[in-house]
Protein backbone atom coordinates (compact mmCIF):
# COMPACT_ATOMS: atom_id res chain seq x y z
CA MET A 1 259.93 78.53 100.34
CA TYR A 2 257.07 79.61 98.13
CA HIS A 3 255.20 82.90 98.15
CA LEU A 4 251.65 83.75 97.21
CA TYR A 5 251.49 87.22 95.67
CA ILE A 6 248.88 89.66 94.43
CA ILE A 7 249.73 92.20 91.73
CA GLU A 8 247.73 95.30 90.94
CA CYS A 9 247.38 95.99 87.22
CA ALA A 10 247.06 99.35 85.44
CA ASP A 11 243.29 98.90 85.07
CA GLY A 12 242.94 98.33 88.83
CA SER A 13 242.41 94.58 88.51
CA LEU A 14 244.21 92.12 90.80
CA TYR A 15 246.26 89.11 89.71
CA THR A 16 247.09 86.29 92.14
CA GLY A 17 249.93 83.83 91.68
CA ILE A 18 252.68 81.84 93.41
CA THR A 19 256.46 81.81 93.01
CA THR A 20 259.73 81.09 94.78
CA ASP A 21 261.02 84.61 93.98
CA VAL A 22 258.52 87.48 94.08
CA GLU A 23 260.90 90.13 92.68
CA ARG A 24 261.90 87.96 89.71
CA ARG A 25 258.31 86.99 88.98
CA PHE A 26 257.07 90.58 89.18
CA SER A 27 259.83 91.61 86.78
CA GLU A 28 258.65 88.90 84.38
CA HIS A 29 255.08 90.20 84.64
CA LYS A 30 256.22 93.80 84.04
CA ASN A 31 258.27 92.76 81.01
CA LYS A 32 255.31 90.86 79.53
CA GLU A 33 256.97 87.48 80.12
CA GLY A 34 254.70 86.50 82.98
CA GLY A 35 251.54 85.33 81.30
CA HIS A 36 248.73 86.61 79.12
CA TYR A 37 246.65 88.35 81.79
CA THR A 38 249.37 90.64 83.12
CA SER A 39 250.76 91.18 79.61
CA SER A 40 247.47 92.66 78.48
CA LYS A 41 246.59 94.44 81.74
CA LYS A 42 250.11 95.81 82.56
CA ALA A 43 251.42 94.84 85.98
CA VAL A 44 251.97 97.91 88.16
CA ARG A 45 252.99 96.78 91.65
CA VAL A 46 252.98 93.91 94.12
CA VAL A 47 250.35 94.73 96.73
CA TYR A 48 250.48 91.59 98.89
CA THR A 49 252.76 88.63 99.62
CA GLU A 50 252.38 85.66 101.92
CA PRO A 51 255.09 83.03 102.63
CA HIS A 52 254.37 79.30 102.44
CA PRO A 53 256.65 76.39 103.33
CA ASP A 54 255.93 74.44 100.13
CA ARG A 55 254.29 74.56 96.71
CA SER A 56 251.27 72.58 97.86
CA SER A 57 250.21 75.01 100.58
CA ALA A 58 250.88 78.01 98.32
CA SER A 59 248.79 76.48 95.53
CA LYS A 60 245.90 75.73 97.88
CA ARG A 61 245.94 79.31 99.18
CA GLU A 62 246.13 80.66 95.62
CA ALA A 63 243.07 78.61 94.62
CA GLN A 64 241.21 79.86 97.70
CA ILE A 65 241.98 83.53 97.05
CA LYS A 66 241.18 83.28 93.33
CA GLN A 67 237.61 82.32 94.31
CA TRP A 68 237.21 85.39 96.49
CA THR A 69 235.43 88.57 95.46
CA ARG A 70 237.47 91.65 94.69
CA GLN A 71 236.22 93.22 97.92
CA LYS A 72 237.49 90.32 100.03
CA LYS A 73 240.89 90.49 98.30
CA LEU A 74 241.08 94.20 99.04
CA GLN A 75 240.33 93.50 102.70
CA LEU A 76 243.21 91.01 102.79
CA ILE A 77 245.57 93.53 101.21
């Protein structure tokens, strides 16, 4: 099982990603092990998760949401 997740950063920006373990991945983001964007923007909290049966469907949904405006992401959350 994969999960799509959205993290709110300290500057108010939103980061979207996928993982098999949301808690572990968020911990990596908080400890600056989760990628450049969240390392520089400081991950604050997970604001949205969505389960997916496989990596393919999670990746497609991630790509879709990453194209959305901030306003549309906030409506989803």
